Amino acid sequence: MVKVILLNLLRSKYSVESENVKAGTVDFALVQLFARHPGMQRQDFEAAVLFVNGVRLDRVNRFQTELHDGDEVVFTHFVGGG
């Protein structure tokens, strides 16, 4: 299983801290999340910063990244305030 963690704005908006999903691609992980939480909106995840096992993935083809059992995926937004 792959652990998907939502932080900051995503956690607040969807009231989901983490979910375990089957291995595959990041896109497949999202498909599983969206099936469990129909109110989730893909554009929120497309705008998010994505880390896999602590490594930040760039925007190009990041949703095609292969995930393996034991991997950890984090979706977050960098927020600031003052």
PDB file of N, CA and C in Angstrom:
ATOM      1  N   MET A   1       0.836  -1.187   0.000  1.00  0.00           N
ATOM      2  CA  MET A   1       0.000   0.000   0.000  1.00  0.00           C
ATOM      3  C   MET A   1       0.881   1.251   0.000  1.00  0.00           C
ATOM      4  N   VAL A   2       0.311   2.314  -0.513  1.00  0.00           N
ATOM      5  CA  VAL A   2       0.957   3.621  -0.564  1.00  0.00           C
ATOM      6  C   VAL A   2       0.188   4.546   0.372  1.00  0.00           C
ATOM      7  N   LYS A   3       0.893   5.300   1.188  1.00  0.00           N
ATOM      8  CA  LYS A   3       0.246   6.243   2.095  1.00  0.00           C
ATOM      9  C   LYS A   3       0.212   7.616   1.429  1.00  0.00           C
ATOM     10  N   VAL A   4      -0.982   8.181   1.308  1.00  0.00           N
ATOM     11  CA  VAL A   4      -1.169   9.524   0.756  1.00  0.00           C
ATOM     12  C   VAL A   4      -1.559  10.443   1.909  1.00  0.00           C
ATOM     13  N   ILE A   5      -0.796  11.508   2.077  1.00  0.00           N
ATOM     14  CA  ILE A   5      -1.012  12.456   3.167  1.00  0.00           C
ATOM     15  C   ILE A   5      -1.411  13.804   2.579  1.00  0.00           C
ATOM     16  N   LEU A   6      -2.450  14.390   3.145  1.00  0.00           N
ATOM     17  CA  LEU A   6      -2.875  15.729   2.738  1.00  0.00           C
ATOM     18  C   LEU A   6      -2.516  16.701   3.853  1.00  0.00           C
ATOM     19  N   LEU A   7      -1.902  17.821   3.492  1.00  0.00           N
ATOM     20  CA  LEU A   7      -1.513  18.826   4.472  1.00  0.00           C
ATOM     21  C   LEU A   7      -2.144  20.171   4.138  1.00  0.00           C
ATOM     22  N   ASN A   8      -2.114  21.046   5.113  1.00  0.00           N
ATOM     23  CA  ASN A   8      -2.511  22.449   4.983  1.00  0.00           C
ATOM     24  C   ASN A   8      -3.895  22.620   4.368  1.00  0.00           C
ATOM     25  N   LEU A   9      -3.995  23.337   3.251  1.00  0.00           N
ATOM     26  CA  LEU A   9      -5.294  23.675   2.678  1.00  0.00           C
ATOM     27  C   LEU A   9      -6.108  22.448   2.278  1.00  0.00           C
ATOM     28  N   LEU A  10      -5.451  21.434   1.745  1.00  0.00           N
ATOM     29  CA  LEU A  10      -6.180  20.230   1.331  1.00  0.00           C
ATOM     30  C   LEU A  10      -6.776  19.506   2.532  1.00  0.00           C
ATOM     31  N   ARG A  11      -6.006  19.396   3.600  1.00  0.00           N
ATOM     32  CA  ARG A  11      -6.506  18.735   4.813  1.00  0.00           C
ATOM     33  C   ARG A  11      -7.688  19.520   5.380  1.00  0.00           C
ATOM     34  N   SER A  12      -7.568  20.830   5.404  1.00  0.00           N
ATOM     35  CA  SER A  12      -8.650  21.671   5.929  1.00  0.00           C
ATOM     36  C   SER A  12      -9.899  21.578   5.064  1.00  0.00           C
ATOM     37  N   LYS A  13      -9.719  21.645   3.769  1.00  0.00           N
ATOM     38  CA  LYS A  13     -10.864  21.652   2.850  1.00  0.00           C
ATOM     39  C   LYS A  13     -11.611  20.329   2.851  1.00  0.00           C
ATOM     40  N   TYR A  14     -10.865  19.218   2.867  1.00  0.00           N
ATOM     41  CA  TYR A  14     -11.503  17.908   2.706  1.00  0.00           C
ATOM     42  C   TYR A  14     -11.601  17.091   3.991  1.00  0.00           C
ATOM     43  N   SER A  15     -11.054  17.562   5.088  1.00  0.00           N
ATOM     44  CA  SER A  15     -11.082  16.856   6.376  1.00  0.00           C
ATOM     45  C   SER A  15     -10.548  15.433   6.264  1.00  0.00           C
ATOM     46  N   VAL A  16      -9.485  15.287   5.483  1.00  0.00           N
ATOM     47  CA  VAL A  16      -8.821  13.995   5.320  1.00  0.00           C
ATOM     48  C   VAL A  16      -7.346  14.199   5.639  1.00  0.00           C
ATOM     49  N   GLU A  17      -6.843  13.409   6.583  1.00  0.00           N
ATOM     50  CA  GLU A  17      -5.419  13.508   6.927  1.00  0.00           C
ATOM     51  C   GLU A  17      -4.584  12.597   6.052  1.00  0.00           C
ATOM     52  N   SER A  18      -5.019  11.348   5.914  1.00  0.00           N
ATOM     53  CA  SER A  18      -4.265  10.398   5.095  1.00  0.00           C
ATOM     54  C   SER A  18      -5.165   9.240   4.683  1.00  0.00           C
ATOM     55  N   GLU A  19      -4.731   8.578   3.639  1.00  0.00           N
ATOM     56  CA  GLU A  19      -5.413   7.389   3.119  1.00  0.00           C
ATOM     57  C   GLU A  19      -4.350   6.427   2.609  1.00  0.00           C
ATOM     58  N   ASN A  20      -4.627   5.154   2.694  1.00  0.00           N
ATOM     59  CA  ASN A  20      -3.786   4.140   2.072  1.00  0.00           C
ATOM     60  C   ASN A  20      -4.438   3.714   0.771  1.00  0.00           C
ATOM     61  N   VAL A  21      -3.639   3.685  -0.292  1.00  0.00           N
ATOM     62  CA  VAL A  21      -4.144   3.315  -1.617  1.00  0.00           C
ATOM     63  C   VAL A  21      -3.239   2.250  -2.217  1.00  0.00           C
ATOM     64  N   LYS A  22      -3.719   1.619  -3.259  1.00  0.00           N
ATOM     65  CA  LYS A  22      -2.926   0.613  -3.968  1.00  0.00           C
ATOM     66  C   LYS A  22      -1.816   1.281  -4.767  1.00  0.00           C
ATOM     67  N   ALA A  23      -0.712   0.552  -4.924  1.00  0.00           N
ATOM     68  CA  ALA A  23       0.414   1.052  -5.718  1.00  0.00           C
ATOM     69  C   ALA A  23      -0.006   1.208  -7.174  1.00  0.00           C
ATOM     70  N   GLY A  24       0.701   2.047  -7.880  1.00  0.00           N
ATOM     71  CA  GLY A  24       0.432   2.358  -9.284  1.00  0.00           C
ATOM     72  C   GLY A  24       1.109   3.676  -9.585  1.00  0.00           C
ATOM     73  N   THR A  25       0.418   4.567 -10.255  1.00  0.00           N
ATOM     74  CA  THR A  25       0.948   5.907 -10.493  1.00  0.00           C
ATOM     75  C   THR A  25       0.317   6.884  -9.510  1.00  0.00           C
ATOM     76  N   VAL A  26       0.856   8.093  -9.472  1.00  0.00           N
ATOM     77  CA  VAL A  26       0.238   9.137  -8.649  1.00  0.00           C
ATOM     78  C   VAL A  26      -1.190   9.367  -9.133  1.00  0.00           C
ATOM     79  N   ASP A  27      -1.391   9.354 -10.448  1.00  0.00           N
ATOM     80  CA  ASP A  27      -2.734   9.540 -10.988  1.00  0.00           C
ATOM     81  C   ASP A  27      -3.686   8.447 -10.494  1.00  0.00           C
ATOM     82  N   PHE A  28      -3.226   7.208 -10.450  1.00  0.00           N
ATOM     83  CA  PHE A  28      -4.054   6.108  -9.953  1.00  0.00           C
ATOM     84  C   PHE A  28      -4.376   6.311  -8.467  1.00  0.00           C
ATOM     85  N   ALA A  29      -3.415   6.832  -7.707  1.00  0.00           N
ATOM     86  CA  ALA A  29      -3.675   7.133  -6.299  1.00  0.00           C
ATOM     87  C   ALA A  29      -4.790   8.168  -6.174  1.00  0.00           C
ATOM     88  N   LEU A  30      -4.749   9.181  -7.046  1.00  0.00           N
ATOM     89  CA  LEU A  30      -5.801  10.204  -7.020  1.00  0.00           C
ATOM     90  C   LEU A  30      -7.151   9.620  -7.400  1.00  0.00           C
ATOM     91  N   VAL A  31      -7.190   8.763  -8.377  1.00  0.00           N
ATOM     92  CA  VAL A  31      -8.448   8.116  -8.779  1.00  0.00           C
ATOM     93  C   VAL A  31      -9.058   7.396  -7.575  1.00  0.00           C
ATOM     94  N   GLN A  32      -8.222   6.707  -6.808  1.00  0.00           N
ATOM     95  CA  GLN A  32      -8.710   5.997  -5.627  1.00  0.00           C
ATOM     96  C   GLN A  32      -9.225   6.969  -4.569  1.00  0.00           C
ATOM     97  N   LEU A  33      -8.488   8.066  -4.353  1.00  0.00           N
ATOM     98  CA  LEU A  33      -8.938   9.075  -3.389  1.00  0.00           C
ATOM     99  C   LEU A  33     -10.278   9.668  -3.807  1.00  0.00           C
ATOM    100  N   PHE A  34     -10.400  10.015  -5.081  1.00  0.00           N
ATOM    101  CA  PHE A  34     -11.625  10.640  -5.572  1.00  0.00           C
ATOM    102  C   PHE A  34     -12.816   9.686  -5.487  1.00  0.00           C
ATOM    103  N   ALA A  35     -12.572   8.390  -5.640  1.00  0.00           N
ATOM    104  CA  ALA A  35     -13.654   7.409  -5.508  1.00  0.00           C
ATOM    105  C   ALA A  35     -14.152   7.347  -4.065  1.00  0.00           C
ATOM    106  N   ARG A  36     -13.246   7.501  -3.111  1.00  0.00           N
ATOM    107  CA  ARG A  36     -13.614   7.460  -1.693  1.00  0.00           C
ATOM    108  C   ARG A  36     -14.192   8.780  -1.200  1.00  0.00           C
ATOM    109  N   HIS A  37     -13.783   9.864  -1.844  1.00  0.00           N
ATOM    110  CA  HIS A  37     -14.194  11.218  -1.434  1.00  0.00           C
ATOM    111  C   HIS A  37     -14.666  11.986  -2.669  1.00  0.00           C
ATOM    112  N   PRO A  38     -15.902  11.736  -3.108  1.00  0.00           N
ATOM    113  CA  PRO A  38     -16.390  12.314  -4.365  1.00  0.00           C
ATOM    114  C   PRO A  38     -16.359  13.839  -4.425  1.00  0.00           C
ATOM    115  N   GLY A  39     -16.300  14.514  -3.308  1.00  0.00           N
ATOM    116  CA  GLY A  39     -16.273  15.975  -3.322  1.00  0.00           C
ATOM    117  C   GLY A  39     -14.907  16.568  -3.654  1.00  0.00           C
ATOM    118  N   MET A  40     -13.873  15.736  -3.682  1.00  0.00           N
ATOM    119  CA  MET A  40     -12.533  16.234  -3.987  1.00  0.00           C
ATOM    120  C   MET A  40     -12.462  16.709  -5.430  1.00  0.00           C
ATOM    121  N   GLN A  41     -11.721  17.795  -5.639  1.00  0.00           N
ATOM    122  CA  GLN A  41     -11.597  18.382  -6.970  1.00  0.00           C
ATOM    123  C   GLN A  41     -10.161  18.249  -7.467  1.00  0.00           C
ATOM    124  N   ARG A  42     -10.016  17.698  -8.660  1.00  0.00           N
ATOM    125  CA  ARG A  42      -8.691  17.433  -9.222  1.00  0.00           C
ATOM    126  C   ARG A  42      -7.826  18.692  -9.283  1.00  0.00           C
ATOM    127  N   GLN A  43      -8.421  19.839  -9.615  1.00  0.00           N
ATOM    128  CA  GLN A  43      -7.618  21.057  -9.769  1.00  0.00           C
ATOM    129  C   GLN A  43      -6.921  21.445  -8.471  1.00  0.00           C
ATOM    130  N   ASP A  44      -7.494  21.083  -7.336  1.00  0.00           N
ATOM    131  CA  ASP A  44      -6.831  21.357  -6.059  1.00  0.00           C
ATOM    132  C   ASP A  44      -5.515  20.584  -5.955  1.00  0.00           C
ATOM    133  N   PHE A  45      -5.488  19.379  -6.480  1.00  0.00           N
ATOM    134  CA  PHE A  45      -4.294  18.547  -6.425  1.00  0.00           C
ATOM    135  C   PHE A  45      -3.298  18.929  -7.513  1.00  0.00           C
ATOM    136  N   GLU A  46      -3.801  19.396  -8.631  1.00  0.00           N
ATOM    137  CA  GLU A  46      -2.915  19.860  -9.694  1.00  0.00           C
ATOM    138  C   GLU A  46      -2.153  21.109  -9.268  1.00  0.00           C
ATOM    139  N   ALA A  47      -2.770  21.929  -8.426  1.00  0.00           N
ATOM    140  CA  ALA A  47      -2.130  23.158  -7.943  1.00  0.00           C
ATOM    141  C   ALA A  47      -1.232  22.904  -6.737  1.00  0.00           C
ATOM    142  N   ALA A  48      -1.298  21.717  -6.168  1.00  0.00           N
ATOM    143  CA  ALA A  48      -0.558  21.403  -4.946  1.00  0.00           C
ATOM    144  C   ALA A  48       0.911  21.104  -5.241  1.00  0.00           C
ATOM    145  N   VAL A  49       1.709  21.210  -4.187  1.00  0.00           N
ATOM    146  CA  VAL A  49       3.098  20.765  -4.218  1.00  0.00           C
ATOM    147  C   VAL A  49       3.078  19.286  -3.863  1.00  0.00           C
ATOM    148  N   LEU A  50       3.855  18.490  -4.598  1.00  0.00           N
ATOM    149  CA  LEU A  50       3.822  17.039  -4.447  1.00  0.00           C
ATOM    150  C   LEU A  50       5.197  16.513  -4.056  1.00  0.00           C
ATOM    151  N   PHE A  51       5.209  15.707  -2.995  1.00  0.00           N
ATOM    152  CA  PHE A  51       6.427  15.025  -2.560  1.00  0.00           C
ATOM    153  C   PHE A  51       6.172  13.523  -2.575  1.00  0.00           C
ATOM    154  N   VAL A  52       7.151  12.769  -3.046  1.00  0.00           N
ATOM    155  CA  VAL A  52       7.117  11.304  -2.952  1.00  0.00           C
ATOM    156  C   VAL A  52       8.374  10.888  -2.200  1.00  0.00           C
ATOM    157  N   ASN A  53       8.155  10.254  -1.065  1.00  0.00           N
ATOM    158  CA  ASN A  53       9.258   9.825  -0.201  1.00  0.00           C
ATOM    159  C   ASN A  53      10.207  10.981   0.109  1.00  0.00           C
ATOM    160  N   GLY A  54       9.632  12.161   0.356  1.00  0.00           N
ATOM    161  CA  GLY A  54      10.419  13.320   0.757  1.00  0.00           C
ATOM    162  C   GLY A  54      11.065  14.097  -0.376  1.00  0.00           C
ATOM    163  N   VAL A  55      10.894  13.639  -1.610  1.00  0.00           N
ATOM    164  CA  VAL A  55      11.483  14.319  -2.764  1.00  0.00           C
ATOM    165  C   VAL A  55      10.387  15.082  -3.504  1.00  0.00           C
ATOM    166  N   ARG A  56      10.610  16.378  -3.692  1.00  0.00           N
ATOM    167  CA  ARG A  56       9.628  17.199  -4.401  1.00  0.00           C
ATOM    168  C   ARG A  56       9.664  16.876  -5.895  1.00  0.00           C
ATOM    169  N   LEU A  57       8.478  16.636  -6.445  1.00  0.00           N
ATOM    170  CA  LEU A  57       8.384  16.346  -7.867  1.00  0.00           C
ATOM    171  C   LEU A  57       8.022  17.609  -8.625  1.00  0.00           C
ATOM    172  N   ASP A  58       8.642  17.792  -9.793  1.00  0.00           N
ATOM    173  CA  ASP A  58       8.312  18.958 -10.602  1.00  0.00           C
ATOM    174  C   ASP A  58       6.983  18.743 -11.313  1.00  0.00           C
ATOM    175  N   ARG A  59       6.539  19.738 -12.002  1.00  0.00           N
ATOM    176  CA  ARG A  59       5.220  19.713 -12.637  1.00  0.00           C
ATOM    177  C   ARG A  59       5.140  18.794 -13.853  1.00  0.00           C
ATOM    178  N   VAL A  60       6.223  18.556 -14.545  1.00  0.00           N
ATOM    179  CA  VAL A  60       6.194  17.787 -15.788  1.00  0.00           C
ATOM    180  C   VAL A  60       6.007  16.301 -15.487  1.00  0.00           C
ATOM    181  N   ASN A  61       4.914  15.751 -15.947  1.00  0.00           N
ATOM    182  CA  ASN A  61       4.623  14.313 -15.830  1.00  0.00           C
ATOM    183  C   ASN A  61       4.633  13.777 -14.401  1.00  0.00           C
ATOM    184  N   ARG A  62       4.445  14.633 -13.436  1.00  0.00           N
ATOM    185  CA  ARG A  62       4.540  14.158 -12.057  1.00  0.00           C
ATOM    186  C   ARG A  62       3.441  13.178 -11.686  1.00  0.00           C
ATOM    187  N   PHE A  63       2.285  13.266 -12.317  1.00  0.00           N
ATOM    188  CA  PHE A  63       1.199  12.347 -11.992  1.00  0.00           C
ATOM    189  C   PHE A  63       1.406  10.968 -12.625  1.00  0.00           C
ATOM    190  N   GLN A  64       2.396  10.839 -13.499  1.00  0.00           N
ATOM    191  CA  GLN A  64       2.727   9.542 -14.087  1.00  0.00           C
ATOM    192  C   GLN A  64       3.828   8.830 -13.298  1.00  0.00           C
ATOM    193  N   THR A  65       4.291   9.432 -12.228  1.00  0.00           N
ATOM    194  CA  THR A  65       5.329   8.832 -11.390  1.00  0.00           C
ATOM    195  C   THR A  65       4.812   7.535 -10.788  1.00  0.00           C
ATOM    196  N   GLU A  66       5.611   6.487 -10.909  1.00  0.00           N
ATOM    197  CA  GLU A  66       5.250   5.181 -10.356  1.00  0.00           C
ATOM    198  C   GLU A  66       5.401   5.174  -8.843  1.00  0.00           C
ATOM    199  N   LEU A  67       4.424   4.605  -8.185  1.00  0.00           N
ATOM    200  CA  LEU A  67       4.447   4.444  -6.735  1.00  0.00           C
ATOM    201  C   LEU A  67       4.490   2.960  -6.394  1.00  0.00           C
ATOM    202  N   HIS A  68       5.226   2.646  -5.359  1.00  0.00           N
ATOM    203  CA  HIS A  68       5.406   1.254  -4.954  1.00  0.00           C
ATOM    204  C   HIS A  68       4.942   1.069  -3.510  1.00  0.00           C
ATOM    205  N   ASP A  69       4.641  -0.153  -3.160  1.00  0.00           N
ATOM    206  CA  ASP A  69       4.243  -0.442  -1.784  1.00  0.00           C
ATOM    207  C   ASP A  69       5.272   0.141  -0.825  1.00  0.00           C
ATOM    208  N   GLY A  70       4.771   0.830   0.209  1.00  0.00           N
ATOM    209  CA  GLY A  70       5.631   1.442   1.204  1.00  0.00           C
ATOM    210  C   GLY A  70       5.972   2.897   0.926  1.00  0.00           C
ATOM    211  N   ASP A  71       5.651   3.386  -0.279  1.00  0.00           N
ATOM    212  CA  ASP A  71       5.911   4.790  -0.598  1.00  0.00           C
ATOM    213  C   ASP A  71       4.974   5.702   0.179  1.00  0.00           C
ATOM    214  N   GLU A  72       5.426   6.954   0.339  1.00  0.00           N
ATOM    215  CA  GLU A  72       4.621   7.973   0.998  1.00  0.00           C
ATOM    216  C   GLU A  72       4.515   9.184   0.074  1.00  0.00           C
ATOM    217  N   VAL A  73       3.287   9.601  -0.178  1.00  0.00           N
ATOM    218  CA  VAL A  73       2.994  10.738  -1.044  1.00  0.00           C
ATOM    219  C   VAL A  73       2.394  11.840  -0.195  1.00  0.00           C
ATOM    220  N   VAL A  74       2.902  13.065  -0.361  1.00  0.00           N
ATOM    221  CA  VAL A  74       2.381  14.205   0.381  1.00  0.00           C
ATOM    222  C   VAL A  74       1.943  15.271  -0.608  1.00  0.00           C
ATOM    223  N   PHE A  75       0.706  15.710  -0.459  1.00  0.00           N
ATOM    224  CA  PHE A  75       0.186  16.852  -1.204  1.00  0.00           C
ATOM    225  C   PHE A  75       0.032  18.005  -0.230  1.00  0.00           C
ATOM    226  N   THR A  76       0.585  19.164  -0.588  1.00  0.00           N
ATOM    227  CA  THR A  76       0.508  20.331   0.287  1.00  0.00           C
ATOM    228  C   THR A  76       0.498  21.593  -0.548  1.00  0.00           C
ATOM    229  N   HIS A  77       0.219  22.683   0.088  1.00  0.00           N
ATOM    230  CA  HIS A  77       0.348  24.011  -0.502  1.00  0.00           C
ATOM    231  C   HIS A  77       1.228  24.801   0.437  1.00  0.00           C
ATOM    232  N   PHE A  78       2.163  25.536  -0.103  1.00  0.00           N
ATOM    233  CA  PHE A  78       2.936  26.431   0.738  1.00  0.00           C
ATOM    234  C   PHE A  78       2.101  27.662   0.959  1.00  0.00           C
ATOM    235  N   VAL A  79       1.848  27.968   2.211  1.00  0.00           N
ATOM    236  CA  VAL A  79       1.031  29.124   2.544  1.00  0.00           C
ATOM    237  C   VAL A  79       1.861  30.087   3.375  1.00  0.00           C
ATOM    238  N   GLY A  80       1.536  31.329   3.252  1.00  0.00           N
ATOM    239  CA  GLY A  80       2.231  32.340   4.029  1.00  0.00           C
ATOM    240  C   GLY A  80       1.242  33.328   4.578  1.00  0.00           C
ATOM    241  N   GLY A  81       1.675  34.094   5.444  1.00  0.00           N
ATOM    242  CA  GLY A  81       0.797  35.096   6.033  1.00  0.00           C
ATOM    243  C   GLY A  81       1.637  36.159   6.713  1.00  0.00           C
ATOM    244  N   GLY A  82       0.943  37.091   7.212  1.00  0.00           N
ATOM    245  CA  GLY A  82       1.724  38.119   7.864  1.00  0.00           C
ATOM    246  C   GLY A  82       0.864  38.945   8.780  1.00  0.00           C
TER     247      GLY A  82
END
